[in-house]
Amino acid sequence: MKSSSCISEKARHQLLIEHELYMPENSRVCSSHLLGMDISPDIEPVLTGRDKVVNHVATKSPALINDLLKIIQHLSNNLPSLVLDFDNMDDGDNQAWTGWDCNQFNQIHDACSEHMTGFEEYLAKFAGCKEKFQHIRVVFTGREGVGKTTLCHRLQDKDIDLALRMPTLGADLHQNWLTIDWESKQWDLNENSAGEVLKTRLGSVIKKAQPTGRRREGSSLQEFTSQTLTSEMMAEISDVQRASERARSNVAFVSLWDMGGHLPFQATHNVFISAHGIYLLVFRLTDFLNDKQEADRLKKWIRMIGTFSAVEYNAPKLKEHHPPLIFVGTFLDELKEKFPEDYNIQIRAIYSSIAKFPELSPHKFAKFCTIDNTLGTKPDDQNLEKLRELITDLAEYQDQWGRELPAKWLQLEMDLLKRREEGTKVLTLKEVQEMNRKSFAPLHDVDEIKIALE
């Protein structure tokens, strides 16, 4: 019985180049056909069970395409370039090297060159492209039962049912749920998935970038990526390029962090506090008047936000001041019912009392508003519109607002999101490093990865 061996990568390349034969990875061949890692020059490969590459490619199998891309990438990395003078080659030369005559080759070239130029152009932009960070992080804090979740839903124009009292367990993140046109300051509900939002953000960066022009002499895809480009990667790149065509140039994204107010959950809130954010300290107006401890609870939140937004916990911290605060007094309907004639006097007294908190002295930006959640999604709620305006006005005082972020950081965020959508809950730093290594736009080192993750 003849023995067989698993074909080496080098032998696969020789079959492809010299004989136009394709063999998948881990295929087995007769050992007598091999000379070490090479195909034996004394034996003509047998076609039994094999086929010409052109017939394989016609199937457009993703596995096949990925494997051929891998081979091309490996050859471009490890073998000297072969330069052919196609302008001076006749039909016979073209047939020998490419399998096509001159006219067929020119047609293939014209069909592919535009896409490959755009592809290389896209990858080249990752070298210096940056996004101006315009992300508003709204964090709802406060004790249980004060209407944080209801208010969070109202900002999203969601229908609410006040009869349902569903406590928030831990924290709920509504990532990039809203957009704000920064020219008109118009709020809109973002109906796209988190992945589509990231593609739109990347698309906006690509749209603003100046074209780098034709490919430089001697340049190659290897300058932009050290990894094999798979069909999935190229499909993602095509999605981002399409997103760039419809991306608006000056948009802010709003994420809402609804924190559970029950005491067991409050112990974990420091994990979600950073220098970048606008913090809504939500409290019940009548509780402030009736319960002396309500003021102490608000002071506790102020201290916690100040502590965990300090430079010791936020590197790099760009702004010296603490993050903006908005005190939101809820159950305005209840206050009006209790003080029908002078509820405005009561509101001013509450505001005056809060403004005198000594804990607010380090906070440069602190605002106050009231809310009646019984109004639901009624369009004429001026107090809800005032809250939106306050959030918009305070956005620029968040710590990271306006920071220029490398486009590669967005790619890392997109890769992380894909892992989360696949069901991964937690990744170690080592796993993130490995994921980054396989990216077509990898970050330079572990230090840059850590900064991007922060």
Protein backbone atom coordinates (compact mmCIF):
# COMPACT_ATOMS: atom_id res chain seq x y z
CA MET A 1 0.00 0.00 0.00
CA LYS A 2 1.32 3.42 -0.93
CA SER A 3 1.74 5.82 1.98
CA SER A 4 0.23 9.30 1.93
CA SER A 5 1.17 12.61 3.56
CA CYS A 6 -0.60 15.86 4.35
CA ILE A 7 0.37 18.38 1.68
CA SER A 8 2.57 21.28 2.78
CA GLU A 9 1.72 24.93 2.09
CA LYS A 10 4.78 25.16 -0.15
CA ALA A 11 3.62 22.19 -2.24
CA ARG A 12 0.12 23.70 -2.49
CA HIS A 13 1.65 26.89 -3.89
CA GLN A 14 3.72 24.91 -6.43
CA LEU A 15 0.66 23.02 -7.65
CA LEU A 16 -1.29 26.25 -8.01
CA ILE A 17 1.43 28.18 -9.84
CA GLU A 18 3.07 25.47 -11.93
CA HIS A 19 0.14 23.19 -12.72
CA GLU A 20 -3.00 25.36 -12.14
CA LEU A 21 -4.21 22.71 -9.69
CA TYR A 22 -5.94 23.63 -6.45
CA MET A 23 -5.77 21.44 -3.36
CA PRO A 24 -7.52 22.50 -0.11
CA GLU A 25 -5.62 22.70 3.16
CA ASN A 26 -4.86 19.37 4.87
CA SER A 27 -5.36 17.39 1.65
CA ARG A 28 -3.39 14.15 1.45
CA VAL A 29 -1.07 13.18 -1.43
CA CYS A 30 1.01 10.15 -2.27
CA SER A 31 4.30 10.41 -0.37
CA SER A 32 6.25 9.42 -3.49
CA HIS A 33 5.06 12.64 -5.15
CA LEU A 34 6.85 14.74 -2.54
CA LEU A 35 10.48 15.65 -2.15
CA GLY A 36 10.63 17.03 1.35
CA MET A 37 8.20 19.96 1.40
CA ASP A 38 8.24 20.25 -2.42
CA ILE A 39 6.41 18.54 -5.25
CA SER A 40 8.86 16.06 -6.80
CA PRO A 41 10.09 17.43 -10.18
CA ASP A 42 10.26 13.89 -11.58
CA ILE A 43 6.54 13.18 -11.28
CA GLU A 44 3.71 14.76 -13.21
CA PRO A 45 0.80 15.38 -10.83
CA VAL A 46 -2.19 13.17 -11.57
CA LEU A 47 -5.46 14.95 -12.31
CA THR A 48 -7.63 12.23 -10.76
CA GLY A 49 -10.02 13.86 -8.33
CA ARG A 50 -8.54 17.30 -9.05
CA ASP A 51 -9.64 20.07 -11.35
CA LYS A 52 -8.32 23.23 -12.87
CA VAL A 53 -8.49 26.31 -10.64
CA VAL A 54 -10.78 28.12 -13.05
CA ASN A 55 -13.50 25.47 -12.51
CA HIS A 56 -13.16 25.72 -8.72
CA VAL A 57 -13.39 29.52 -8.75
CA ALA A 58 -16.63 29.36 -10.69
CA THR A 59 -18.33 27.96 -7.59
CA LYS A 60 -17.43 31.11 -5.59
CA SER A 61 -17.36 29.06 -2.40
CA PRO A 62 -16.51 31.34 0.58
CA ALA A 63 -14.13 28.69 1.93
CA LEU A 64 -12.34 28.48 -1.41
CA ILE A 65 -12.13 32.27 -1.79
CA ASN A 66 -10.75 32.65 1.72
CA ASP A 67 -8.17 29.95 1.08
CA LEU A 68 -7.04 31.49 -2.23
CA LEU A 69 -6.76 34.89 -0.55
CA LYS A 70 -4.61 33.29 2.11
CA ILE A 71 -2.33 31.76 -0.52
CA ILE A 72 -2.02 35.08 -2.35
CA GLN A 73 -1.25 36.88 0.90
CA HIS A 74 1.37 34.26 1.83
CA LEU A 75 3.02 34.50 -1.58
CA SER A 76 3.11 38.31 -1.47
CA ASN A 77 4.73 38.19 1.97
CA ASN A 78 7.36 35.54 1.34
CA LEU A 79 8.27 35.40 -2.35
CA PRO A 80 9.92 37.99 -4.59
CA SER A 81 7.52 39.94 -6.77
CA LEU A 82 7.12 38.85 -10.39
CA VAL A 83 6.80 41.88 -12.69
CA LEU A 84 5.31 41.23 -16.12
CA ASP A 85 5.41 43.76 -18.96
CA PHE A 86 1.88 43.16 -20.21
CA ASP A 87 2.09 46.03 -22.72
CA ASN A 88 4.74 44.14 -24.69
CA MET A 89 3.28 40.63 -24.32
CA ASP A 90 1.43 38.95 -27.18
CA ASP A 91 -1.54 36.56 -26.92
CA GLY A 92 0.77 33.58 -26.51
CA ASP A 93 2.60 35.18 -23.57
CA ASN A 94 -0.67 36.14 -21.91
CA GLN A 95 -2.11 32.68 -22.40
CA ALA A 96 1.00 31.10 -20.88
CA TRP A 97 1.01 33.30 -17.78
CA THR A 98 -2.66 34.06 -17.13
CA GLY A 99 -4.74 31.63 -19.19
CA TRP A 100 -6.36 34.56 -21.08
CA ASP A 101 -5.53 36.26 -24.35
CA CYS A 102 -4.69 40.00 -24.36
CA ASN A 103 -8.26 41.15 -24.90
CA GLN A 104 -9.66 38.90 -22.16
CA PHE A 105 -6.94 39.98 -19.73
CA ASN A 106 -7.62 43.68 -20.38
CA GLN A 107 -11.33 43.16 -19.76
CA ILE A 108 -10.62 41.41 -16.45
CA HIS A 109 -8.15 44.13 -15.47
CA ASP A 110 -10.58 46.96 -16.25
CA ALA A 111 -13.35 45.23 -14.26
CA CYS A 112 -11.16 44.69 -11.17
CA SER A 113 -8.78 47.65 -11.06
CA GLU A 114 -11.37 50.23 -9.96
CA HIS A 115 -12.48 48.06 -7.04
CA MET A 116 -8.94 47.18 -5.97
CA THR A 117 -7.86 50.84 -6.12
CA GLY A 118 -10.83 51.79 -3.93
CA PHE A 119 -10.04 48.89 -1.63
CA GLU A 120 -6.43 49.95 -1.16
CA GLU A 121 -7.56 53.56 -0.78
CA TYR A 122 -9.89 52.50 2.02
CA LEU A 123 -7.18 50.60 3.87
CA ALA A 124 -4.69 53.45 3.41
CA LYS A 125 -7.04 55.86 5.17
CA PHE A 126 -6.68 53.88 8.40
CA ALA A 127 -3.08 55.10 8.61
CA GLY A 128 -4.07 58.67 9.52
CA CYS A 129 -7.86 58.96 9.58
CA LYS A 130 -9.41 60.17 12.82
CA GLU A 131 -12.92 60.58 14.17
CA LYS A 132 -13.90 63.67 16.13
CA PHE A 133 -15.53 62.01 19.13
CA GLN A 134 -19.11 63.24 19.56
CA HIS A 135 -20.71 60.76 21.89
CA ILE A 136 -23.11 61.83 24.65
CA ARG A 137 -23.24 59.42 27.54
CA VAL A 138 -26.31 60.10 29.69
CA VAL A 139 -26.25 58.23 33.03
CA PHE A 140 -29.41 57.99 35.17
CA THR A 141 -28.66 57.77 38.90
CA GLY A 142 -30.86 57.91 41.99
CA ARG A 143 -32.76 55.68 44.37
CA GLU A 144 -35.41 53.17 43.30
CA GLY A 145 -38.94 54.23 42.34
CA VAL A 146 -38.15 57.82 41.33
CA GLY A 147 -38.94 57.32 37.61
CA LYS A 148 -35.48 56.88 36.05
CA THR A 149 -36.51 54.09 33.66
CA THR A 150 -39.74 55.86 32.69
CA LEU A 151 -37.79 59.02 31.91
CA CYS A 152 -35.22 56.99 29.95
CA HIS A 153 -38.02 55.54 27.82
CA ARG A 154 -39.61 58.95 27.32
CA LEU A 155 -36.37 60.39 25.95
CA GLN A 156 -36.56 57.61 23.37
CA ASP A 157 -40.22 58.48 22.58
CA LYS A 158 -41.31 55.05 23.75
CA ASP A 159 -44.84 54.38 24.94
CA ILE A 160 -44.99 53.94 28.70
CA ASP A 161 -47.41 52.27 31.09
CA LEU A 162 -47.25 53.87 34.55
CA ALA A 163 -49.13 50.91 36.00
CA LEU A 164 -46.12 48.70 35.31
CA ARG A 165 -43.44 48.99 37.96
CA MET A 166 -40.52 46.97 36.65
CA PRO A 167 -37.34 47.67 38.63
CA THR A 168 -34.07 47.89 36.73
CA LEU A 169 -31.82 44.97 37.65
CA GLY A 170 -28.24 46.15 37.69
CA ALA A 171 -28.03 48.50 34.70
CA ASP A 172 -29.57 48.79 31.24
CA LEU A 173 -27.49 50.23 28.40
CA HIS A 174 -29.22 51.79 25.40
CA GLN A 175 -26.15 52.24 23.17
CA ASN A 176 -26.25 54.91 20.43
CA TRP A 177 -30.04 54.85 20.72
CA LEU A 178 -30.45 58.47 19.64
CA THR A 179 -28.76 60.87 17.25
CA ILE A 180 -28.55 64.65 17.31
CA ASP A 181 -28.00 66.69 14.18
CA TRP A 182 -25.37 69.08 15.55
CA GLU A 183 -26.34 71.88 13.19
CA SER A 184 -30.07 71.96 13.98
CA LYS A 185 -29.80 70.25 17.42
CA GLN A 186 -32.68 68.00 16.33
CA TRP A 187 -32.99 64.72 18.27
CA ASP A 188 -33.90 61.60 16.30
CA LEU A 189 -34.46 57.99 17.24
CA ASN A 190 -31.71 55.82 15.78
CA GLU A 191 -33.32 52.69 14.33
CA ASN A 192 -30.05 51.06 13.28
CA SER A 193 -28.27 48.33 15.21
CA ALA A 194 -25.11 49.06 17.16
CA GLY A 195 -23.11 47.43 14.35
CA GLU A 196 -24.73 49.65 11.72
CA VAL A 197 -24.02 52.72 13.85
CA LEU A 198 -20.32 51.80 13.99
CA LYS A 199 -20.27 51.32 10.22
CA THR A 200 -21.92 54.73 9.83
CA ARG A 201 -19.35 56.34 12.12
CA LEU A 202 -16.53 54.72 10.14
CA GLY A 203 -18.28 55.74 6.93
CA SER A 204 -18.42 59.35 8.11
CA VAL A 205 -14.67 59.28 8.79
CA ILE A 206 -13.98 57.85 5.33
CA LYS A 207 -16.29 60.44 3.76
CA LYS A 208 -14.40 63.34 5.35
CA ALA A 209 -10.95 61.94 4.52
CA GLN A 210 -9.12 63.45 1.61
CA PRO A 211 -8.33 60.96 -1.18
CA THR A 212 -4.75 59.77 -1.02
CA GLY A 213 -4.57 59.49 -4.79
CA ARG A 214 -3.21 56.68 -6.92
CA ARG A 215 -1.29 53.88 -5.27
CA ARG A 216 2.34 54.82 -4.72
CA GLU A 217 5.02 53.10 -6.76
CA GLY A 218 5.97 49.83 -5.12
CA SER A 219 3.14 49.95 -2.56
CA SER A 220 1.01 46.95 -1.79
CA LEU A 221 -1.78 45.79 0.46
CA GLN A 222 0.92 44.52 2.80
CA GLU A 223 1.61 48.15 3.80
CA PHE A 224 -1.87 48.43 5.26
CA THR A 225 -2.53 45.00 6.72
CA SER A 226 -0.46 42.10 7.91
CA GLN A 227 -3.40 39.71 7.85
CA THR A 228 -5.13 37.66 5.21
CA LEU A 229 -8.18 39.52 3.94
CA THR A 230 -11.17 37.22 4.02
CA SER A 231 -14.41 37.55 2.06
CA GLU A 232 -16.15 38.52 5.34
CA MET A 233 -13.66 41.38 5.85
CA MET A 234 -14.15 42.62 2.30
CA ALA A 235 -17.94 42.48 2.71
CA GLU A 236 -17.62 44.57 5.89
CA ILE A 237 -15.43 47.09 4.06
CA SER A 238 -18.04 47.32 1.29
CA ASP A 239 -20.73 48.00 3.92
CA VAL A 240 -18.67 50.84 5.42
CA GLN A 241 -18.02 52.33 1.99
CA ARG A 242 -21.77 52.28 1.27
CA ALA A 243 -22.42 53.82 4.70
CA SER A 244 -20.04 56.65 3.83
CA GLU A 245 -22.32 57.62 0.94
CA ARG A 246 -25.29 58.27 3.24
CA ALA A 247 -23.44 59.35 6.40
CA ARG A 248 -24.18 62.82 7.75
CA SER A 249 -21.07 64.84 8.50
CA ASN A 250 -21.91 66.36 11.89
CA VAL A 251 -23.92 64.03 14.09
CA ALA A 252 -23.72 63.22 17.79
CA PHE A 253 -24.72 59.83 19.14
CA VAL A 254 -26.53 59.49 22.48
CA SER A 255 -26.28 56.45 24.74
CA LEU A 256 -28.49 56.07 27.81
CA TRP A 257 -27.30 54.23 30.93
CA ASP A 258 -30.21 53.39 33.22
CA MET A 259 -28.83 52.42 36.63
CA GLY A 260 -30.83 50.24 39.02
CA GLY A 261 -31.66 52.23 42.15
CA HIS A 262 -32.13 49.48 44.73
CA LEU A 263 -29.48 49.48 47.42
CA PRO A 264 -27.78 46.16 46.41
CA PHE A 265 -27.20 47.56 42.89
CA GLN A 266 -25.88 50.93 44.05
CA ALA A 267 -22.69 49.28 45.27
CA THR A 268 -21.75 48.47 41.65
CA HIS A 269 -22.46 51.91 40.18
CA ASN A 270 -18.90 53.16 40.57
CA VAL A 271 -17.96 50.70 37.79
CA PHE A 272 -20.04 52.76 35.33
CA ILE A 273 -18.90 56.21 36.47
CA SER A 274 -16.20 58.01 34.51
CA ALA A 275 -15.21 61.55 33.59
CA HIS A 276 -17.02 61.25 30.27
CA GLY A 277 -20.75 61.57 30.73
CA ILE A 278 -23.68 63.74 31.75
CA TYR A 279 -25.13 62.53 35.05
CA LEU A 280 -28.85 62.84 35.78
CA LEU A 281 -29.45 62.82 39.54
CA VAL A 282 -33.10 61.84 39.58
CA PHE A 283 -35.16 62.37 42.75
CA ARG A 284 -38.79 62.68 43.76
CA LEU A 285 -39.75 66.31 44.48
CA THR A 286 -42.08 65.50 47.36
CA ASP A 287 -39.45 63.21 48.93
CA PHE A 288 -37.03 66.13 49.06
CA LEU A 289 -39.62 68.13 51.02
CA ASN A 290 -40.73 65.31 53.32
CA ASP A 291 -37.63 63.18 53.85
CA LYS A 292 -34.52 64.83 55.28
CA GLN A 293 -32.41 61.92 54.08
CA GLU A 294 -33.18 62.70 50.41
CA ALA A 295 -30.68 65.57 50.41
CA ASP A 296 -28.06 63.26 51.91
CA ARG A 297 -28.70 60.70 49.17
CA LEU A 298 -28.13 63.34 46.47
CA LYS A 299 -24.94 64.47 48.20
CA LYS A 300 -23.73 60.85 48.22
CA TRP A 301 -24.21 60.64 44.45
CA ILE A 302 -22.36 63.92 43.94
CA ARG A 303 -19.41 62.65 45.98
CA MET A 304 -19.35 59.31 44.16
CA ILE A 305 -19.41 60.95 40.72
CA GLY A 306 -16.67 63.37 41.77
CA THR A 307 -14.49 60.60 43.16
CA PHE A 308 -14.68 58.20 40.21
CA SER A 309 -14.35 60.94 37.57
CA ALA A 310 -11.04 62.09 39.07
CA VAL A 311 -7.80 61.80 37.11
CA GLU A 312 -6.67 58.82 39.21
CA TYR A 313 -9.44 56.71 37.65
CA ASN A 314 -9.50 58.30 34.19
CA ALA A 315 -6.41 58.23 32.05
CA PRO A 316 -6.03 60.21 29.94
CA LYS A 317 -8.31 62.88 31.47
CA LEU A 318 -8.60 65.84 29.12
CA LYS A 319 -10.58 68.37 31.16
CA GLU A 320 -9.87 69.54 34.68
CA HIS A 321 -13.50 69.97 35.75
CA HIS A 322 -15.88 67.24 36.94
CA PRO A 323 -18.56 65.97 34.52
CA PRO A 324 -21.83 67.94 34.14
CA LEU A 325 -24.74 67.20 36.49
CA ILE A 326 -28.46 67.66 35.93
CA PHE A 327 -30.75 67.41 38.96
CA VAL A 328 -34.09 66.07 37.72
CA GLY A 329 -37.03 66.42 40.08
CA THR A 330 -39.75 63.93 39.12
CA PHE A 331 -43.42 63.50 40.13
CA LEU A 332 -44.14 67.14 39.27
CA ASP A 333 -47.82 66.18 38.99
CA GLU A 334 -47.73 65.03 42.61
CA LEU A 335 -46.16 68.32 43.74
CA LYS A 336 -48.77 70.34 41.83
CA GLU A 337 -51.54 68.34 43.46
CA LYS A 338 -50.10 68.93 46.93
CA PHE A 339 -49.32 72.64 46.36
CA PRO A 340 -51.75 73.75 43.63
CA GLU A 341 -51.24 77.48 44.28
CA ASP A 342 -47.53 77.76 45.02
CA TYR A 343 -45.79 74.68 43.55
CA ASN A 344 -43.38 77.01 41.69
CA ILE A 345 -42.32 78.48 45.03
CA GLN A 346 -41.63 74.97 46.30
CA ILE A 347 -39.56 74.19 43.20
CA ARG A 348 -37.46 77.33 43.65
CA ALA A 349 -36.91 76.46 47.32
CA ILE A 350 -35.71 72.95 46.36
CA TYR A 351 -33.40 74.36 43.70
CA SER A 352 -31.98 76.92 46.12
CA SER A 353 -31.34 74.23 48.73
CA ILE A 354 -29.52 71.96 46.23
CA ALA A 355 -27.43 74.85 44.90
CA LYS A 356 -26.01 75.36 48.41
CA PHE A 357 -24.67 71.79 48.70
CA PRO A 358 -20.96 72.15 49.57
CA GLU A 359 -20.33 68.97 47.54
CA LEU A 360 -21.11 70.98 44.38
CA SER A 361 -18.18 73.39 44.81
CA PRO A 362 -15.84 71.39 42.49
CA HIS A 363 -18.62 70.98 39.89
CA LYS A 364 -18.51 73.75 37.34
CA PHE A 365 -21.61 72.64 35.45
CA ALA A 366 -24.80 71.78 37.38
CA LYS A 367 -28.36 72.34 36.15
CA PHE A 368 -31.86 71.70 37.48
CA CYS A 369 -35.17 70.76 35.88
CA THR A 370 -38.50 69.11 36.76
CA ILE A 371 -40.42 66.35 35.00
CA ASP A 372 -43.99 65.03 34.94
CA ASN A 373 -43.75 61.45 33.65
CA THR A 374 -47.55 61.09 33.46
CA LEU A 375 -47.42 63.12 30.22
CA GLY A 376 -45.87 60.13 28.46
CA THR A 377 -45.08 60.89 24.81
CA LYS A 378 -47.22 64.02 24.49
CA PRO A 379 -45.46 66.37 22.06
CA ASP A 380 -46.10 69.55 24.06
CA ASP A 381 -44.10 68.65 27.17
CA GLN A 382 -41.87 71.69 27.53
CA ASN A 383 -40.04 70.26 30.54
CA LEU A 384 -38.92 67.18 28.60
CA GLU A 385 -37.73 69.42 25.76
CA LYS A 386 -35.83 71.52 28.29
CA LEU A 387 -34.07 68.38 29.53
CA ARG A 388 -33.06 67.52 25.96
CA GLU A 389 -31.73 71.05 25.51
CA LEU A 390 -29.72 70.84 28.74
CA ILE A 391 -28.17 67.54 27.66
CA THR A 392 -27.28 69.02 24.27
CA ASP A 393 -25.80 72.20 25.78
CA LEU A 394 -23.70 70.28 28.33
CA ALA A 395 -22.36 67.69 25.88
CA GLU A 396 -19.17 69.62 25.06
CA TYR A 397 -18.19 69.64 28.74
CA GLN A 398 -17.85 65.86 28.86
CA ASP A 399 -14.23 64.88 29.30
CA GLN A 400 -13.60 63.16 25.95
CA TRP A 401 -15.85 65.36 23.78
CA GLY A 402 -14.10 66.45 20.58
CA ARG A 403 -11.13 64.15 21.08
CA GLU A 404 -9.66 62.84 17.85
CA LEU A 405 -9.78 59.05 17.81
CA PRO A 406 -7.88 56.92 15.25
CA ALA A 407 -10.19 55.14 12.82
CA LYS A 408 -8.50 51.88 13.83
CA TRP A 409 -10.07 52.24 17.29
CA LEU A 410 -13.51 52.13 15.67
CA GLN A 411 -12.51 48.95 13.87
CA LEU A 412 -11.49 47.41 17.21
CA GLU A 413 -14.86 48.46 18.66
CA MET A 414 -16.61 46.83 15.72
CA ASP A 415 -14.65 43.60 16.20
CA LEU A 416 -15.54 43.58 19.91
CA LEU A 417 -19.21 44.13 19.10
CA LYS A 418 -19.19 41.13 16.75
CA ARG A 419 -17.82 38.95 19.51
CA ARG A 420 -20.56 40.18 21.86
CA GLU A 421 -23.24 39.46 19.24
CA GLU A 422 -21.80 35.95 18.95
CA GLY A 423 -22.55 35.47 22.65
CA THR A 424 -19.17 36.27 24.23
CA LYS A 425 -19.76 37.99 27.58
CA VAL A 426 -16.19 38.56 28.79
CA LEU A 427 -12.84 38.74 26.98
CA THR A 428 -9.42 38.69 28.59
CA LEU A 429 -6.84 41.23 27.47
CA LYS A 430 -4.89 38.38 25.86
CA GLU A 431 -7.97 37.42 23.81
CA VAL A 432 -8.44 41.04 22.73
CA GLN A 433 -4.78 41.15 21.66
CA GLU A 434 -5.25 38.01 19.56
CA MET A 435 -8.42 39.46 18.00
CA ASN A 436 -6.55 42.68 17.22
CA ARG A 437 -3.70 40.71 15.65
CA LYS A 438 -6.13 39.20 13.13
CA SER A 439 -7.68 42.56 12.22
CA PHE A 440 -6.92 44.12 8.84
CA ALA A 441 -6.36 47.42 10.71
CA PRO A 442 -4.60 46.33 13.91
CA LEU A 443 -3.56 48.68 16.70
CA HIS A 444 0.19 48.98 17.24
CA ASP A 445 0.63 47.37 20.65
CA VAL A 446 -1.03 46.42 23.93
CA ASP A 447 -0.65 49.94 25.32
CA GLU A 448 -2.70 51.40 22.47
CA ILE A 449 -5.29 48.64 22.96
CA LYS A 450 -5.62 49.57 26.63
CA ILE A 451 -6.09 53.27 25.82
CA ALA A 452 -8.72 52.44 23.18
CA LEU A 453 -10.60 50.19 25.61
CA GLU A 454 -10.66 52.94 28.25
